Amino acid sequence: TTRDLRKPSWAVAVKDRDNNSCTLCGSTEDLKAHHVFPVATHPWLANDLTNGITLRGECHKIVHRLPWCTRISLVKNRVVSLIDE
């Protein structure tokens, strides 16, 4: 399965790189490592740190509801496509 392609250390490394804070809101609580391009469609990027960003749990849910979820632009490991509410 695609879940088997993910290494637990990938999530830790993504969070460490992002200073253990959400790239959207800056929170340091309830952090998740999010794949910019999903493992299901891009398995070769499953453990690529440039394909990950750190999001707070609630921000992660919001991002997954957006139509451009898989097209988030990253610049210097920060989200530059902002949520337009």
C-alpha atoms as a PDB file:
ATOM      1  CA  THR A   1       0.000   0.000   0.000  1.00  0.00           C
ATOM      2  CA  THR A   2       1.041   3.634  -0.318  1.00  0.00           C
ATOM      3  CA  ARG A   3       1.147   3.909   3.459  1.00  0.00           C
ATOM      4  CA  ASP A   4       3.941   1.325   3.448  1.00  0.00           C
ATOM      5  CA  LEU A   5       6.088   3.679   1.345  1.00  0.00           C
ATOM      6  CA  ARG A   6       6.235   6.286   4.093  1.00  0.00           C
ATOM      7  CA  LYS A   7       9.005   6.252   6.657  1.00  0.00           C
ATOM      8  CA  PRO A   8       8.133   7.557  10.136  1.00  0.00           C
ATOM      9  CA  SER A   9      11.431   9.440  10.125  1.00  0.00           C
ATOM     10  CA  TRP A  10      10.195  11.479   7.121  1.00  0.00           C
ATOM     11  CA  ALA A  11       7.534  13.178   9.244  1.00  0.00           C
ATOM     12  CA  VAL A  12      10.030  13.901  12.015  1.00  0.00           C
ATOM     13  CA  ALA A  13      12.511  15.365   9.513  1.00  0.00           C
ATOM     14  CA  VAL A  14       9.839  17.565   7.889  1.00  0.00           C
ATOM     15  CA  LYS A  15       8.764  18.930  11.273  1.00  0.00           C
ATOM     16  CA  ASP A  16      12.379  19.513  12.317  1.00  0.00           C
ATOM     17  CA  ARG A  17      13.112  21.360   9.069  1.00  0.00           C
ATOM     18  CA  ASP A  18      10.060  23.571   9.650  1.00  0.00           C
ATOM     19  CA  ASN A  19      11.205  24.387  13.199  1.00  0.00           C
ATOM     20  CA  ASN A  20       8.369  22.312  14.650  1.00  0.00           C
ATOM     21  CA  SER A  21       5.774  24.899  13.722  1.00  0.00           C
ATOM     22  CA  CYS A  22       2.855  25.059  11.315  1.00  0.00           C
ATOM     23  CA  THR A  23       3.774  26.658   7.990  1.00  0.00           C
ATOM     24  CA  LEU A  24       0.335  28.315   7.840  1.00  0.00           C
ATOM     25  CA  CYS A  25      -0.412  29.591  11.336  1.00  0.00           C
ATOM     26  CA  GLY A  26       2.874  29.184  13.218  1.00  0.00           C
ATOM     27  CA  SER A  27       1.392  26.964  15.935  1.00  0.00           C
ATOM     28  CA  THR A  28       3.666  24.461  17.644  1.00  0.00           C
ATOM     29  CA  GLU A  29       0.851  22.144  18.776  1.00  0.00           C
ATOM     30  CA  ASP A  30      -0.806  19.120  17.135  1.00  0.00           C
ATOM     31  CA  LEU A  31       1.629  19.092  14.205  1.00  0.00           C
ATOM     32  CA  LYS A  32       1.254  16.877  11.144  1.00  0.00           C
ATOM     33  CA  ALA A  33       3.641  16.343   8.236  1.00  0.00           C
ATOM     34  CA  HIS A  34       1.693  16.844   4.997  1.00  0.00           C
ATOM     35  CA  HIS A  35       2.686  15.525   1.576  1.00  0.00           C
ATOM     36  CA  VAL A  36       2.309  18.313  -0.993  1.00  0.00           C
ATOM     37  CA  PHE A  37       1.930  15.739  -3.772  1.00  0.00           C
ATOM     38  CA  PRO A  38       0.066  12.698  -2.412  1.00  0.00           C
ATOM     39  CA  VAL A  39       1.908   9.413  -2.060  1.00  0.00           C
ATOM     40  CA  ALA A  40      -0.952   7.685  -3.876  1.00  0.00           C
ATOM     41  CA  THR A  41      -0.182   9.587  -7.081  1.00  0.00           C
ATOM     42  CA  HIS A  42       3.513  10.354  -6.525  1.00  0.00           C
ATOM     43  CA  PRO A  43       4.992   7.347  -4.677  1.00  0.00           C
ATOM     44  CA  TRP A  44       8.532   8.302  -5.689  1.00  0.00           C
ATOM     45  CA  LEU A  45       8.149  11.444  -3.546  1.00  0.00           C
ATOM     46  CA  ALA A  46       6.976   9.591  -0.443  1.00  0.00           C
ATOM     47  CA  ASN A  47      10.175  10.262   1.492  1.00  0.00           C
ATOM     48  CA  ASP A  48      11.346  13.418  -0.277  1.00  0.00           C
ATOM     49  CA  LEU A  49      11.607  16.220   2.281  1.00  0.00           C
ATOM     50  CA  THR A  50      10.883  18.847  -0.370  1.00  0.00           C
ATOM     51  CA  ASN A  51       7.467  17.198  -0.787  1.00  0.00           C
ATOM     52  CA  GLY A  52       6.479  17.877   2.817  1.00  0.00           C
ATOM     53  CA  ILE A  53       5.259  20.748   4.943  1.00  0.00           C
ATOM     54  CA  THR A  54       4.323  20.946   8.602  1.00  0.00           C
ATOM     55  CA  LEU A  55       0.728  21.800   9.440  1.00  0.00           C
ATOM     56  CA  ARG A  56      -1.248  22.058  12.681  1.00  0.00           C
ATOM     57  CA  GLY A  57      -4.000  19.429  12.793  1.00  0.00           C
ATOM     58  CA  GLU A  58      -6.774  21.919  12.033  1.00  0.00           C
ATOM     59  CA  CYS A  59      -4.777  23.582   9.226  1.00  0.00           C
ATOM     60  CA  HIS A  60      -4.117  20.104   7.813  1.00  0.00           C
ATOM     61  CA  LYS A  61      -7.869  19.440   7.664  1.00  0.00           C
ATOM     62  CA  ILE A  62      -8.460  22.791   5.946  1.00  0.00           C
ATOM     63  CA  VAL A  63      -5.736  22.169   3.372  1.00  0.00           C
ATOM     64  CA  HIS A  64      -7.164  18.745   2.514  1.00  0.00           C
ATOM     65  CA  ARG A  65     -10.538  20.349   1.742  1.00  0.00           C
ATOM     66  CA  LEU A  66      -9.038  22.783  -0.781  1.00  0.00           C
ATOM     67  CA  PRO A  67      -9.137  21.973  -4.509  1.00  0.00           C
ATOM     68  CA  TRP A  68      -5.498  22.994  -4.880  1.00  0.00           C
ATOM     69  CA  CYS A  69      -4.305  20.813  -1.999  1.00  0.00           C
ATOM     70  CA  THR A  70      -1.893  18.948  -4.259  1.00  0.00           C
ATOM     71  CA  ARG A  71      -0.615  22.145  -5.863  1.00  0.00           C
ATOM     72  CA  ILE A  72       0.615  24.044  -2.815  1.00  0.00           C
ATOM     73  CA  SER A  73       3.661  26.070  -3.821  1.00  0.00           C
ATOM     74  CA  LEU A  74       6.640  25.934  -1.510  1.00  0.00           C
ATOM     75  CA  VAL A  75       9.277  28.628  -1.323  1.00  0.00           C
ATOM     76  CA  LYS A  76      12.011  28.161   1.275  1.00  0.00           C
ATOM     77  CA  ASN A  77       9.788  25.540   2.943  1.00  0.00           C
ATOM     78  CA  ARG A  78       6.942  27.984   3.479  1.00  0.00           C
ATOM     79  CA  VAL A  79       3.468  27.851   1.969  1.00  0.00           C
ATOM     80  CA  VAL A  80       3.037  30.692  -0.514  1.00  0.00           C
ATOM     81  CA  SER A  81      -0.420  29.687  -1.775  1.00  0.00           C
ATOM     82  CA  LEU A  82      -2.576  31.196   0.938  1.00  0.00           C
ATOM     83  CA  ILE A  83      -6.048  30.128   1.946  1.00  0.00           C
ATOM     84  CA  ASP A  84      -8.561  32.604   0.551  1.00  0.00           C
ATOM     85  CA  GLU A  85     -11.523  32.394   2.887  1.00  0.00           C
END
